[in-house]
Amino acid sequence: MPKFQNLSKAEKILLAEELWDSALAGEASVPLSDKHRKILEERLKTYELDGESGTPWDIVKQRIKVKSLQNTLD
């Protein structure tokens, strides 16, 4: 197995893409619990009733960055 630090940026990106694709290929084999299925169905129903509900991705991403930074400082 090659050392990751010796790979070029392009090679690292290709490797990450291959890893991501292989993870998604087995997606159907990952079971979804009834509890999680119900949560997803409720969220989809809410979205279908009001497509404007929820938080825009850029705001969610910012919150994640802030929490991540806070966790590193703790």
Protein backbone atom coordinates (compact mmCIF):
# COMPACT_ATOMS: atom_id res chain seq x y z
CA MET A 1 0.00 0.00 0.00
CA PRO A 2 1.52 3.36 -1.01
CA LYS A 3 2.10 6.03 1.60
CA PHE A 4 -0.45 8.79 1.22
CA GLN A 5 2.06 11.56 1.76
CA ASN A 6 3.92 10.41 -1.38
CA LEU A 7 0.85 10.81 -3.59
CA SER A 8 0.24 13.92 -5.64
CA LYS A 9 -2.86 16.02 -5.00
CA ALA A 10 -4.49 14.60 -8.12
CA GLU A 11 -3.73 11.03 -7.02
CA LYS A 12 -5.17 11.72 -3.56
CA ILE A 13 -8.36 13.12 -5.10
CA LEU A 14 -8.73 10.12 -7.40
CA LEU A 15 -8.18 7.77 -4.48
CA ALA A 16 -10.78 9.62 -2.39
CA GLU A 17 -13.26 9.44 -5.28
CA GLU A 18 -12.70 5.70 -5.66
CA LEU A 19 -13.16 5.20 -1.92
CA TRP A 20 -16.36 7.28 -1.95
CA ASP A 21 -17.74 5.38 -4.96
CA SER A 22 -16.99 2.02 -3.34
CA ALA A 23 -18.74 3.11 -0.14
CA LEU A 24 -21.83 4.17 -2.10
CA ALA A 25 -21.86 0.92 -4.06
CA GLY A 26 -22.66 -0.98 -0.87
CA GLU A 27 -25.26 1.57 0.23
CA ALA A 28 -28.21 -0.74 -0.45
CA SER A 29 -26.74 -3.35 1.87
CA VAL A 30 -26.76 -0.96 4.85
CA PRO A 31 -30.00 -1.53 6.75
CA LEU A 32 -32.17 1.39 7.78
CA SER A 33 -33.85 0.96 11.13
CA ASP A 34 -37.59 1.53 11.44
CA LYS A 35 -36.86 4.45 13.77
CA HIS A 36 -34.63 6.18 11.21
CA ARG A 37 -37.03 5.39 8.35
CA LYS A 38 -39.86 7.05 10.31
CA ILE A 39 -37.73 10.15 10.97
CA LEU A 40 -36.86 10.42 7.28
CA GLU A 41 -40.50 9.97 6.24
CA GLU A 42 -41.59 12.70 8.68
CA ARG A 43 -38.93 15.09 7.39
CA LEU A 44 -39.87 14.40 3.78
CA LYS A 45 -43.53 15.00 4.56
CA THR A 46 -42.67 18.31 6.26
CA TYR A 47 -40.57 19.32 3.27
CA GLU A 48 -43.31 18.40 0.81
CA LEU A 49 -45.81 20.53 2.75
CA ASP A 50 -43.45 23.51 2.94
CA GLY A 51 -40.41 23.33 0.66
CA GLU A 52 -39.08 26.48 2.26
CA SER A 53 -38.70 24.93 5.73
CA GLY A 54 -35.26 24.04 6.95
CA THR A 55 -31.92 25.78 7.02
CA PRO A 56 -29.86 26.70 3.94
CA TRP A 57 -26.69 24.65 3.43
CA ASP A 58 -24.30 27.60 3.81
CA ILE A 59 -25.69 28.35 7.29
CA VAL A 60 -25.54 24.68 8.32
CA LYS A 61 -21.96 24.47 7.03
CA GLN A 62 -21.00 27.55 9.03
CA ARG A 63 -22.51 26.07 12.21
CA ILE A 64 -20.53 22.87 11.67
CA LYS A 65 -17.31 24.84 11.23
CA VAL A 66 -17.94 26.83 14.41
CA LYS A 67 -18.72 23.69 16.44
CA SER A 68 -15.65 21.96 15.03
CA LEU A 69 -13.47 24.91 15.97
CA GLN A 70 -14.99 25.02 19.46
CA ASN A 71 -14.29 21.29 19.90
CA THR A 72 -10.65 21.77 18.93
CA LEU A 73 -10.27 24.56 21.45
CA ASP A 74 -11.82 22.54 24.31
